[in-house]
């Protein structure tokens, strides 16, 4: 169509009617071209806009949830740091005292075991020296005549020396204050 139209400069002997007709064709052509371009530029964004708005709304919801979660964690951290941690530290110092008492109790058990070993050795030694077996006594009495007037042989006296045994106060020196605080009594060894 543009080939059909001629510009006024190209042809010198053009009538004014033809010029008007050419201008009107040009205007019509420009109008059609602008309509075509406007149709080309028209885009329906309503569906994309709604999808985008839905996605933004979902992201905002998740952001709110995350913010509330962070606030809860901060609150828990504050509770942990300000309340729970000092309580744990206090209990830890209390349990250190219990650990110390357990160590002393283990030492006492070792001492008791040593004392029992010594006592057992003394009892075994006494049984050997005193000959306390009832079967041996029976046989010895049968060998002697029943009415024998022999004087009984004096038995050799062995002096018994009691071993030194543990004292609870050696391992738990302030057991009286512990008894008063806990309201319990403790079994103590005799010396």
N, C-alpha and C. Protein backbone atom coordinates (compact mmCIF):
# COMPACT_ATOMS: atom_id res chain seq x y z
N UNK A 1 0.81 -1.16 0.00
CA UNK A 1 0.00 0.00 0.00
C UNK A 1 0.87 1.24 0.00
N UNK A 2 1.94 1.16 0.67
CA UNK A 2 2.82 2.32 0.72
C UNK A 2 3.41 2.59 -0.64
N UNK A 3 3.49 1.54 -1.49
CA UNK A 3 4.02 1.76 -2.84
C UNK A 3 3.05 2.56 -3.69
N UNK A 4 1.77 2.40 -3.43
CA UNK A 4 0.77 3.11 -4.23
C UNK A 4 0.79 4.59 -3.95
N UNK A 5 1.13 4.92 -2.71
CA UNK A 5 1.14 6.33 -2.34
C UNK A 5 2.44 6.96 -2.78
N UNK A 6 2.34 8.13 -3.25
CA UNK A 6 3.52 8.85 -3.68
C UNK A 6 3.62 10.12 -2.88
N UNK A 7 4.80 10.46 -2.60
CA UNK A 7 4.97 11.70 -1.86
C UNK A 7 4.88 12.86 -2.80
N UNK A 8 4.46 14.04 -2.34
CA UNK A 8 4.28 15.18 -3.22
C UNK A 8 5.60 15.65 -3.81
N UNK A 9 6.71 15.36 -3.22
CA UNK A 9 7.99 15.83 -3.75
C UNK A 9 8.40 15.05 -4.98
N UNK A 10 7.96 13.80 -5.07
CA UNK A 10 8.39 12.95 -6.17
C UNK A 10 7.72 13.38 -7.48
N UNK A 11 6.48 13.62 -7.41
CA UNK A 11 5.77 14.04 -8.62
C UNK A 11 5.46 15.51 -8.53
N UNK A 12 5.78 16.25 -9.57
CA UNK A 12 5.60 17.68 -9.57
C UNK A 12 4.21 18.06 -10.03
N UNK A 13 3.64 17.38 -10.86
CA UNK A 13 2.33 17.77 -11.35
C UNK A 13 1.26 16.88 -10.74
N UNK A 14 1.01 17.08 -9.48
CA UNK A 14 0.01 16.36 -8.71
C UNK A 14 -1.10 17.33 -8.41
N UNK A 15 -2.29 16.90 -8.52
CA UNK A 15 -3.46 17.73 -8.28
C UNK A 15 -3.75 17.77 -6.78
N UNK A 16 -4.36 18.85 -6.33
CA UNK A 16 -4.67 18.93 -4.92
C UNK A 16 -5.64 17.85 -4.46
N UNK A 17 -6.47 17.35 -5.30
CA UNK A 17 -7.38 16.29 -4.90
C UNK A 17 -6.59 15.01 -4.63
N UNK A 18 -5.65 14.78 -5.45
CA UNK A 18 -4.85 13.58 -5.27
C UNK A 18 -4.04 13.66 -3.98
N UNK A 19 -3.60 14.85 -3.67
CA UNK A 19 -2.84 15.03 -2.44
C UNK A 19 -3.75 14.76 -1.26
N UNK A 20 -4.94 15.23 -1.33
CA UNK A 20 -5.89 15.00 -0.24
C UNK A 20 -6.20 13.50 -0.12
N UNK A 21 -6.33 12.89 -1.25
CA UNK A 21 -6.62 11.46 -1.25
C UNK A 21 -5.43 10.69 -0.68
N UNK A 22 -4.25 11.10 -1.03
CA UNK A 22 -3.06 10.44 -0.49
C UNK A 22 -2.94 10.63 1.02
N UNK A 23 -3.28 11.84 1.45
CA UNK A 23 -3.22 12.11 2.89
C UNK A 23 -4.25 11.27 3.63
N UNK A 24 -5.39 11.15 3.04
CA UNK A 24 -6.41 10.37 3.70
C UNK A 24 -6.00 8.89 3.74
N UNK A 25 -5.40 8.38 2.68
CA UNK A 25 -4.92 7.00 2.68
C UNK A 25 -3.81 6.82 3.71
N UNK A 26 -2.95 7.82 3.80
CA UNK A 26 -1.85 7.76 4.78
C UNK A 26 -2.41 7.76 6.21
N UNK A 27 -3.36 8.59 6.44
CA UNK A 27 -3.98 8.65 7.77
C UNK A 27 -4.65 7.31 8.12
N UNK A 28 -5.33 6.76 7.09
CA UNK A 28 -6.00 5.47 7.30
C UNK A 28 -4.95 4.40 7.58
N UNK A 29 -3.84 4.44 6.84
CA UNK A 29 -2.77 3.46 7.04
C UNK A 29 -2.15 3.62 8.43
N UNK A 30 -1.91 4.81 8.85
CA UNK A 30 -1.33 5.06 10.17
C UNK A 30 -2.31 4.60 11.25
N UNK A 31 -3.56 4.85 11.05
CA UNK A 31 -4.59 4.45 12.02
C UNK A 31 -4.64 2.93 12.14
N UNK A 32 -4.60 2.22 11.01
CA UNK A 32 -4.63 0.75 11.03
C UNK A 32 -3.37 0.20 11.71
N UNK A 33 -2.25 0.84 11.38
CA UNK A 33 -0.99 0.40 11.97
C UNK A 33 -0.99 0.60 13.49
N UNK A 34 -1.50 1.73 13.93
CA UNK A 34 -1.56 1.99 15.36
C UNK A 34 -2.53 1.02 16.05
N UNK A 35 -3.64 0.68 15.40
CA UNK A 35 -4.58 -0.30 15.95
C UNK A 35 -3.92 -1.68 16.07
N UNK A 36 -3.19 -2.04 15.02
CA UNK A 36 -2.49 -3.33 15.07
C UNK A 36 -1.47 -3.37 16.21
N UNK A 37 -0.72 -2.29 16.31
CA UNK A 37 0.26 -2.24 17.40
C UNK A 37 -0.41 -2.23 18.78
N UNK A 38 -1.50 -1.56 18.90
CA UNK A 38 -2.20 -1.53 20.19
C UNK A 38 -2.75 -2.91 20.54
N UNK A 39 -3.25 -3.64 19.52
CA UNK A 39 -3.71 -5.01 19.77
C UNK A 39 -2.54 -5.90 20.17
N UNK A 40 -1.41 -5.66 19.55
CA UNK A 40 -0.22 -6.44 19.87
C UNK A 40 0.25 -6.17 21.29
N UNK A 41 0.10 -4.95 21.72
CA UNK A 41 0.56 -4.56 23.05
C UNK A 41 -0.44 -4.90 24.15
N UNK A 42 -1.67 -5.22 23.82
CA UNK A 42 -2.66 -5.55 24.83
C UNK A 42 -2.35 -6.94 25.38
N UNK A 43 -2.22 -7.02 26.73
CA UNK A 43 -1.92 -8.28 27.39
C UNK A 43 -2.90 -8.42 28.57
N UNK A 44 -3.44 -9.60 28.71
CA UNK A 44 -4.34 -9.85 29.83
C UNK A 44 -3.51 -10.35 31.01
N UNK A 45 -3.28 -9.49 31.98
CA UNK A 45 -2.44 -9.83 33.13
C UNK A 45 -3.26 -10.15 34.38
N UNK A 46 -4.54 -10.22 34.26
CA UNK A 46 -5.36 -10.48 35.45
C UNK A 46 -5.07 -11.86 36.04
N UNK A 47 -4.90 -12.89 35.21
CA UNK A 47 -4.63 -14.23 35.75
C UNK A 47 -3.25 -14.28 36.38
N UNK A 48 -2.26 -13.68 35.69
CA UNK A 48 -0.92 -13.66 36.26
C UNK A 48 -0.88 -12.83 37.54
N UNK A 49 -1.67 -11.75 37.53
CA UNK A 49 -1.72 -10.89 38.70
C UNK A 49 -2.31 -11.64 39.89
N UNK A 50 -3.36 -12.41 39.68
CA UNK A 50 -3.97 -13.16 40.79
C UNK A 50 -3.02 -14.25 41.29
N UNK A 51 -2.32 -14.91 40.37
CA UNK A 51 -1.36 -15.94 40.79
C UNK A 51 -0.24 -15.30 41.61
N UNK A 52 0.25 -14.17 41.14
CA UNK A 52 1.32 -13.46 41.85
C UNK A 52 0.85 -12.99 43.22
N UNK A 53 -0.37 -12.48 43.30
CA UNK A 53 -0.90 -12.03 44.59
C UNK A 53 -1.07 -13.20 45.56
N UNK A 54 -1.51 -14.38 45.05
CA UNK A 54 -1.64 -15.56 45.89
C UNK A 54 -0.27 -16.00 46.44
N UNK A 55 0.73 -16.00 45.58
CA UNK A 55 2.08 -16.38 46.00
C UNK A 55 2.62 -15.41 47.05
N UNK A 56 2.38 -14.13 46.83
CA UNK A 56 2.85 -13.13 47.79
C UNK A 56 2.14 -13.32 49.13
N UNK A 57 0.85 -13.61 49.09
CA UNK A 57 0.09 -13.84 50.32
C UNK A 57 0.62 -15.06 51.07
N UNK A 58 0.94 -16.14 50.35
CA UNK A 58 1.49 -17.34 50.97
C UNK A 58 2.86 -17.07 51.58
N UNK A 59 3.69 -16.32 50.88
CA UNK A 59 5.01 -15.97 51.41
C UNK A 59 4.88 -15.13 52.68
N UNK A 60 3.93 -14.19 52.68
CA UNK A 60 3.72 -13.35 53.86
C UNK A 60 3.23 -14.19 55.05
N UNK A 61 2.38 -15.18 54.78
CA UNK A 61 1.89 -16.06 55.83
C UNK A 61 3.05 -16.86 56.42
N UNK A 62 3.89 -17.41 55.56
CA UNK A 62 5.05 -18.18 56.03
C UNK A 62 6.04 -17.29 56.79
N UNK A 63 6.17 -16.06 56.35
CA UNK A 63 7.04 -15.12 57.06
C UNK A 63 6.51 -14.83 58.46
N UNK A 64 5.19 -14.67 58.58
CA UNK A 64 4.58 -14.47 59.90
C UNK A 64 4.80 -15.69 60.80
N UNK A 65 4.63 -16.88 60.23
CA UNK A 65 4.85 -18.10 61.00
C UNK A 65 6.30 -18.18 61.46
N UNK A 66 7.22 -17.87 60.57
CA UNK A 66 8.63 -17.91 60.91
C UNK A 66 8.96 -16.89 62.00
N UNK A 67 8.37 -15.72 61.90
CA UNK A 67 8.60 -14.68 62.90
C UNK A 67 8.09 -15.13 64.27
N UNK A 68 6.90 -15.74 64.29
CA UNK A 68 6.37 -16.22 65.58
C UNK A 68 7.25 -17.34 66.13
N UNK A 69 7.78 -18.21 65.26
CA UNK A 69 8.67 -19.27 65.69
C UNK A 69 9.96 -18.69 66.28
N UNK A 70 10.51 -17.67 65.63
CA UNK A 70 11.73 -17.03 66.14
C UNK A 70 11.45 -16.38 67.49
N UNK A 71 10.29 -15.77 67.65
CA UNK A 71 9.93 -15.16 68.94
C UNK A 71 9.82 -16.23 70.03
N UNK A 72 9.23 -17.38 69.69
CA UNK A 72 9.13 -18.46 70.67
C UNK A 72 10.51 -18.96 71.07
N UNK A 73 11.40 -19.11 70.09
CA UNK A 73 12.76 -19.57 70.39
C UNK A 73 13.47 -18.55 71.27
N UNK A 74 13.30 -17.27 70.97
CA UNK A 74 13.92 -16.25 71.81
C UNK A 74 13.37 -16.31 73.23
N UNK A 75 12.07 -16.51 73.36
CA UNK A 75 11.47 -16.64 74.70
C UNK A 75 12.01 -17.85 75.43
N UNK A 76 12.12 -18.99 74.72
CA UNK A 76 12.67 -20.19 75.34
C UNK A 76 14.13 -19.99 75.72
N UNK A 77 14.89 -19.31 74.87
CA UNK A 77 16.29 -19.04 75.19
C UNK A 77 16.39 -18.15 76.42
N UNK A 78 15.55 -17.15 76.50
CA UNK A 78 15.58 -16.27 77.66
C UNK A 78 15.22 -17.06 78.92
N UNK A 79 14.20 -17.91 78.83
CA UNK A 79 13.82 -18.75 79.97
C UNK A 79 14.98 -19.67 80.36
N UNK A 80 15.59 -20.27 79.36
CA UNK A 80 16.70 -21.19 79.61
C UNK A 80 17.87 -20.47 80.25
N UNK A 81 18.23 -19.32 79.70
CA UNK A 81 19.40 -18.60 80.20
C UNK A 81 19.14 -17.95 81.55
N UNK A 82 17.95 -17.45 81.78
CA UNK A 82 17.68 -16.70 82.99
C UNK A 82 17.18 -17.55 84.15
N UNK A 83 16.54 -18.67 83.85
CA UNK A 83 15.94 -19.45 84.92
C UNK A 83 16.52 -20.85 85.00
N UNK A 84 16.47 -21.59 83.92
CA UNK A 84 16.85 -22.99 83.96
C UNK A 84 18.35 -23.18 84.17
N UNK A 85 19.16 -22.42 83.47
CA UNK A 85 20.61 -22.57 83.59
C UNK A 85 21.11 -22.29 85.01
N UNK A 86 20.65 -21.23 85.70
CA UNK A 86 21.09 -21.06 87.09
C UNK A 86 20.64 -22.21 88.00
N UNK A 87 19.45 -22.75 87.75
CA UNK A 87 19.00 -23.89 88.55
C UNK A 87 19.88 -25.11 88.30
N UNK A 88 20.25 -25.33 87.07
CA UNK A 88 21.14 -26.45 86.74
C UNK A 88 22.49 -26.26 87.42
N UNK A 89 23.00 -25.04 87.39
CA UNK A 89 24.29 -24.75 88.02
C UNK A 89 24.21 -25.01 89.52
N UNK A 90 23.12 -24.60 90.14
CA UNK A 90 22.93 -24.82 91.58
C UNK A 90 22.89 -26.31 91.88
N UNK A 91 22.13 -27.07 91.09
CA UNK A 91 22.03 -28.52 91.31
C UNK A 91 23.39 -29.19 91.08
N UNK A 92 24.15 -28.67 90.12
CA UNK A 92 25.46 -29.24 89.84
C UNK A 92 26.39 -29.05 91.04
N UNK A 93 26.34 -27.87 91.67
CA UNK A 93 27.18 -27.66 92.86
C UNK A 93 26.71 -28.55 94.01
N UNK A 94 25.40 -28.78 94.12
CA UNK A 94 24.90 -29.68 95.15
C UNK A 94 25.34 -31.11 94.89
N UNK A 95 25.34 -31.51 93.64
CA UNK A 95 25.71 -32.89 93.34
C UNK A 95 27.21 -33.10 93.49
N UNK A 96 28.00 -32.03 93.39
CA UNK A 96 29.43 -32.15 93.67
C UNK A 96 29.64 -32.60 95.11
N UNK A 97 28.83 -32.07 96.03
CA UNK A 97 28.92 -32.48 97.43
C UNK A 97 28.59 -33.97 97.56
N UNK A 98 27.58 -34.41 96.81
CA UNK A 98 27.20 -35.83 96.84
C UNK A 98 28.33 -36.69 96.28
N UNK A 99 28.98 -36.22 95.21
CA UNK A 99 30.11 -36.97 94.64
C UNK A 99 31.22 -37.10 95.69
N UNK A 100 31.47 -36.03 96.42
CA UNK A 100 32.51 -36.07 97.45
C UNK A 100 32.14 -37.07 98.54
N UNK A 101 30.87 -37.09 98.94
CA UNK A 101 30.43 -38.04 99.95
C UNK A 101 30.53 -39.47 99.43
N UNK A 102 30.22 -39.69 98.17
CA UNK A 102 30.33 -41.03 97.58
C UNK A 102 31.79 -41.47 97.59
N UNK A 103 32.69 -40.55 97.28
CA UNK A 103 34.12 -40.91 97.31
C UNK A 103 34.54 -41.30 98.73
N UNK A 104 34.08 -40.53 99.72
CA UNK A 104 34.42 -40.88 101.10
C UNK A 104 33.78 -42.21 101.50
N UNK A 105 32.58 -42.46 101.01
CA UNK A 105 31.91 -43.73 101.30
C UNK A 105 32.69 -44.89 100.69
N UNK A 106 33.20 -44.71 99.48
CA UNK A 106 34.03 -45.75 98.86
C UNK A 106 35.28 -46.02 99.69
N UNK A 107 35.90 -44.95 100.20
CA UNK A 107 37.08 -45.12 101.05
C UNK A 107 36.70 -45.89 102.32
N UNK A 108 35.53 -45.57 102.88
CA UNK A 108 35.08 -46.25 104.08
C UNK A 108 34.83 -47.73 103.80
N UNK A 109 34.24 -48.03 102.66
CA UNK A 109 33.98 -49.44 102.31
C UNK A 109 35.30 -50.20 102.17
N UNK A 110 36.31 -49.56 101.58
CA UNK A 110 37.62 -50.20 101.48
C UNK A 110 38.20 -50.48 102.87
N UNK A 111 38.07 -49.50 103.77
CA UNK A 111 38.58 -49.68 105.13
C UNK A 111 37.82 -50.80 105.84
N UNK A 112 36.51 -50.85 105.66
CA UNK A 112 35.71 -51.91 106.29
C UNK A 112 36.14 -53.27 105.76
N UNK A 113 36.38 -53.35 104.48
CA UNK A 113 36.82 -54.62 103.89
C UNK A 113 38.15 -55.05 104.49
N UNK A 114 39.07 -54.10 104.62
CA UNK A 114 40.36 -54.43 105.22
C UNK A 114 40.17 -54.88 106.67
N UNK A 115 39.31 -54.19 107.41
CA UNK A 115 39.05 -54.57 108.80
C UNK A 115 38.44 -55.97 108.88
N UNK A 116 37.51 -56.28 107.98
CA UNK A 116 36.90 -57.61 107.97
C UNK A 116 37.93 -58.68 107.63
N UNK A 117 38.83 -58.38 106.72
CA UNK A 117 39.89 -59.35 106.38
C UNK A 117 40.76 -59.61 107.61
N UNK A 118 41.12 -58.55 108.32
CA UNK A 118 41.94 -58.71 109.53
C UNK A 118 41.17 -59.51 110.58
N UNK A 119 39.89 -59.20 110.77
CA UNK A 119 39.07 -59.93 111.75
C UNK A 119 38.94 -61.40 111.36
N UNK A 120 38.76 -61.66 110.10
CA UNK A 120 38.63 -63.05 109.64
C UNK A 120 39.93 -63.80 109.90
N UNK A 121 41.06 -63.15 109.65
CA UNK A 121 42.35 -63.79 109.93
C UNK A 121 42.48 -64.08 111.43
N UNK A 122 42.06 -63.14 112.28
CA UNK A 122 42.13 -63.34 113.74
C UNK A 122 41.22 -64.49 114.17
N UNK A 123 40.03 -64.58 113.60
CA UNK A 123 39.11 -65.67 113.95
C UNK A 123 39.70 -67.01 113.51
N UNK A 124 40.26 -67.05 112.31
CA UNK A 124 40.88 -68.29 111.85
C UNK A 124 42.04 -68.69 112.76
N UNK A 125 42.83 -67.71 113.15
CA UNK A 125 43.96 -67.97 114.04
C UNK A 125 43.45 -68.46 115.40
N UNK A 126 42.39 -67.86 115.91
CA UNK A 126 41.84 -68.27 117.20
C UNK A 126 41.27 -69.68 117.12
N UNK A 127 40.63 -70.03 116.02
CA UNK A 127 40.09 -71.38 115.86
C UNK A 127 41.20 -72.41 115.85
N UNK A 128 42.32 -72.05 115.24
CA UNK A 128 43.44 -72.99 115.21
C UNK A 128 44.00 -73.16 116.62
N UNK A 129 44.16 -72.07 117.37
CA UNK A 129 44.76 -72.15 118.71
C UNK A 129 43.80 -72.73 119.73
N UNK A 130 42.56 -72.48 119.63
CA UNK A 130 41.61 -72.95 120.63
C UNK A 130 41.02 -74.29 120.31
N UNK A 131 41.19 -74.74 119.13
CA UNK A 131 40.71 -76.05 118.72
C UNK A 131 39.25 -76.21 119.09
N UNK A 132 38.40 -75.43 118.46
CA UNK A 132 36.98 -75.40 118.81
C UNK A 132 36.14 -76.36 118.01
N UNK A 133 36.70 -77.24 117.29
CA UNK A 133 35.92 -78.18 116.50
C UNK A 133 35.20 -79.14 117.42
N UNK A 134 33.90 -79.26 117.30
CA UNK A 134 33.09 -80.13 118.19
C UNK A 134 33.39 -81.60 117.92
N UNK A 135 33.72 -81.97 116.73
CA UNK A 135 34.03 -83.36 116.43
C UNK A 135 35.33 -83.75 117.12
N UNK A 136 36.32 -82.86 117.10
CA UNK A 136 37.58 -83.15 117.77
C UNK A 136 37.38 -83.28 119.27
N UNK A 137 36.53 -82.44 119.84
CA UNK A 137 36.27 -82.52 121.28
C UNK A 137 35.63 -83.86 121.63
N UNK A 138 34.75 -84.33 120.78
CA UNK A 138 34.08 -85.60 121.04
C UNK A 138 35.10 -86.74 121.03
N UNK A 139 35.95 -86.77 120.04
CA UNK A 139 36.94 -87.85 119.97
C UNK A 139 37.95 -87.75 121.12
N UNK A 140 38.32 -86.56 121.48
CA UNK A 140 39.27 -86.41 122.59
C UNK A 140 38.65 -86.88 123.90
N UNK A 141 37.39 -86.62 124.12
CA UNK A 141 36.75 -87.04 125.36
C UNK A 141 36.56 -88.55 125.39
N UNK A 142 36.39 -89.20 124.27
CA UNK A 142 36.22 -90.65 124.23
C UNK A 142 37.54 -91.36 124.49
N UNK A 143 38.63 -90.75 124.13
CA UNK A 143 39.93 -91.38 124.34
C UNK A 143 40.29 -91.39 125.82
N UNK A 144 39.87 -90.44 126.54
CA UNK A 144 40.18 -90.38 127.97
C UNK A 144 39.19 -91.27 128.71
N UNK A 145 39.64 -91.91 129.73
CA UNK A 145 38.68 -92.69 130.51
C UNK A 145 37.65 -91.76 131.14
N UNK A 146 36.49 -92.27 131.27
CA UNK A 146 35.40 -91.44 131.74
C UNK A 146 35.62 -90.94 133.17
N UNK A 147 36.21 -91.79 133.98
CA UNK A 147 36.37 -91.38 135.37
C UNK A 147 37.82 -91.13 135.71
N UNK A 148 38.53 -90.68 134.78
CA UNK A 148 39.95 -90.45 135.03
C UNK A 148 40.10 -89.26 135.95
N UNK A 149 41.09 -89.38 136.84
CA UNK A 149 41.28 -88.32 137.80
C UNK A 149 42.46 -87.47 137.42
N UNK A 150 42.85 -87.60 136.24
CA UNK A 150 43.96 -86.77 135.81
C UNK A 150 43.51 -85.33 135.82
N UNK A 151 44.41 -84.56 136.20
CA UNK A 151 44.07 -83.14 136.20
C UNK A 151 44.07 -82.64 134.76
N UNK A 152 43.14 -81.81 134.53
CA UNK A 152 43.04 -81.27 133.18
C UNK A 152 44.24 -80.38 132.93
N UNK A 153 44.77 -80.53 131.75
CA UNK A 153 45.94 -79.72 131.42
C UNK A 153 45.50 -78.27 131.26
N UNK A 154 46.25 -77.42 131.89
CA UNK A 154 45.87 -76.03 131.72
C UNK A 154 46.12 -75.59 130.27
N UNK A 155 45.14 -74.93 129.74
CA UNK A 155 45.26 -74.50 128.34
C UNK A 155 46.07 -73.23 128.29
N UNK A 156 46.82 -73.17 127.26
CA UNK A 156 47.67 -72.01 127.08
C UNK A 156 46.80 -70.82 126.74
N UNK A 157 46.93 -69.76 127.49
CA UNK A 157 46.14 -68.56 127.27
C UNK A 157 46.84 -67.70 126.21
N UNK A 158 46.09 -67.40 125.20
CA UNK A 158 46.60 -66.50 124.17
C UNK A 158 45.90 -65.17 124.39
N UNK A 159 46.69 -64.17 124.41
CA UNK A 159 46.11 -62.85 124.65
C UNK A 159 45.50 -62.33 123.35
N UNK A 160 44.26 -61.93 123.46
CA UNK A 160 43.56 -61.39 122.29
C UNK A 160 43.76 -59.89 122.22
N UNK A 161 44.23 -59.45 121.08
CA UNK A 161 44.38 -58.02 120.86
C UNK A 161 43.42 -57.63 119.74
N UNK A 162 42.43 -56.85 120.08
CA UNK A 162 41.46 -56.48 119.03
C UNK A 162 42.11 -55.58 118.00
N UNK A 163 41.79 -55.82 116.74
CA UNK A 163 42.38 -54.97 115.70
C UNK A 163 41.73 -53.58 115.72
N UNK A 164 42.46 -52.67 115.21
CA UNK A 164 41.91 -51.31 115.10
C UNK A 164 40.93 -51.31 113.93
N UNK A 165 39.71 -50.91 114.22
CA UNK A 165 38.71 -50.89 113.15
C UNK A 165 38.31 -49.45 112.85
N UNK A 166 37.60 -49.30 111.80
CA UNK A 166 37.26 -47.96 111.30
C UNK A 166 36.29 -47.25 112.22
N UNK A 167 36.28 -45.96 112.09
CA UNK A 167 35.29 -45.13 112.76
C UNK A 167 34.62 -44.30 111.67
N UNK A 168 33.32 -44.23 111.71
CA UNK A 168 32.58 -43.47 110.71
C UNK A 168 32.97 -42.01 110.75
N UNK A 169 33.26 -41.50 111.94
CA UNK A 169 33.64 -40.10 112.07
C UNK A 169 34.93 -39.78 111.32
N UNK A 170 35.78 -40.83 111.11
CA UNK A 170 37.00 -40.60 110.34
C UNK A 170 36.69 -40.28 108.88
N UNK A 171 35.62 -40.86 108.38
CA UNK A 171 35.27 -40.66 106.97
C UNK A 171 34.24 -39.55 106.79
N UNK A 172 33.36 -39.39 107.75
CA UNK A 172 32.33 -38.35 107.70
C UNK A 172 32.42 -37.54 108.99
N UNK A 173 33.36 -36.61 109.05
CA UNK A 173 33.59 -35.90 110.31
C UNK A 173 32.40 -35.06 110.78
N UNK A 174 31.62 -34.56 109.89
CA UNK A 174 30.49 -33.72 110.31
C UNK A 174 29.19 -34.48 110.15
N UNK A 175 29.18 -35.74 110.53
CA UNK A 175 27.98 -36.56 110.36
C UNK A 175 26.85 -36.10 111.26
N UNK A 176 27.17 -35.47 112.42
CA UNK A 176 26.11 -34.98 113.30
C UNK A 176 25.33 -33.87 112.64
N UNK A 177 26.02 -32.97 111.95
CA UNK A 177 25.31 -31.88 111.27
C UNK A 177 24.51 -32.41 110.10
N UNK A 178 24.99 -33.45 109.44
CA UNK A 178 24.25 -34.05 108.34
C UNK A 178 23.00 -34.73 108.88
N UNK A 179 23.14 -35.41 110.06
CA UNK A 179 21.99 -36.08 110.66
C UNK A 179 20.92 -35.06 111.02
N UNK A 180 21.33 -33.94 111.60
CA UNK A 180 20.35 -32.94 111.98
C UNK A 180 19.68 -32.34 110.76
N UNK A 181 20.44 -32.13 109.67
CA UNK A 181 19.87 -31.50 108.48
C UNK A 181 18.92 -32.44 107.76
N UNK A 182 19.27 -33.74 107.70
CA UNK A 182 18.44 -34.68 106.95
C UNK A 182 17.42 -35.37 107.84
N UNK A 183 17.64 -35.35 109.16
CA UNK A 183 16.71 -36.01 110.06
C UNK A 183 16.91 -37.51 110.10
N UNK A 184 18.06 -37.99 109.65
CA UNK A 184 18.32 -39.43 109.65
C UNK A 184 19.47 -39.71 110.62
N UNK A 185 19.55 -40.96 111.03
CA UNK A 185 20.66 -41.36 111.86
C UNK A 185 21.55 -42.26 111.05
N UNK A 186 22.80 -42.26 111.40
CA UNK A 186 23.78 -43.00 110.64
C UNK A 186 24.33 -44.10 111.53
N UNK A 187 24.60 -45.26 110.95
CA UNK A 187 25.17 -46.37 111.70
C UNK A 187 26.66 -46.13 111.77
N UNK A 188 27.20 -46.08 112.97
CA UNK A 188 28.63 -45.83 113.12
C UNK A 188 29.30 -47.09 113.62
N UNK A 189 30.55 -47.25 113.25
CA UNK A 189 31.33 -48.40 113.72
C UNK A 189 31.84 -48.16 115.12
N UNK A 190 32.08 -49.22 115.85
CA UNK A 190 32.61 -49.06 117.19
C UNK A 190 34.11 -49.20 117.14
N UNK A 191 34.77 -48.57 118.10
CA UNK A 191 36.23 -48.67 118.11
C UNK A 191 36.71 -49.40 119.32
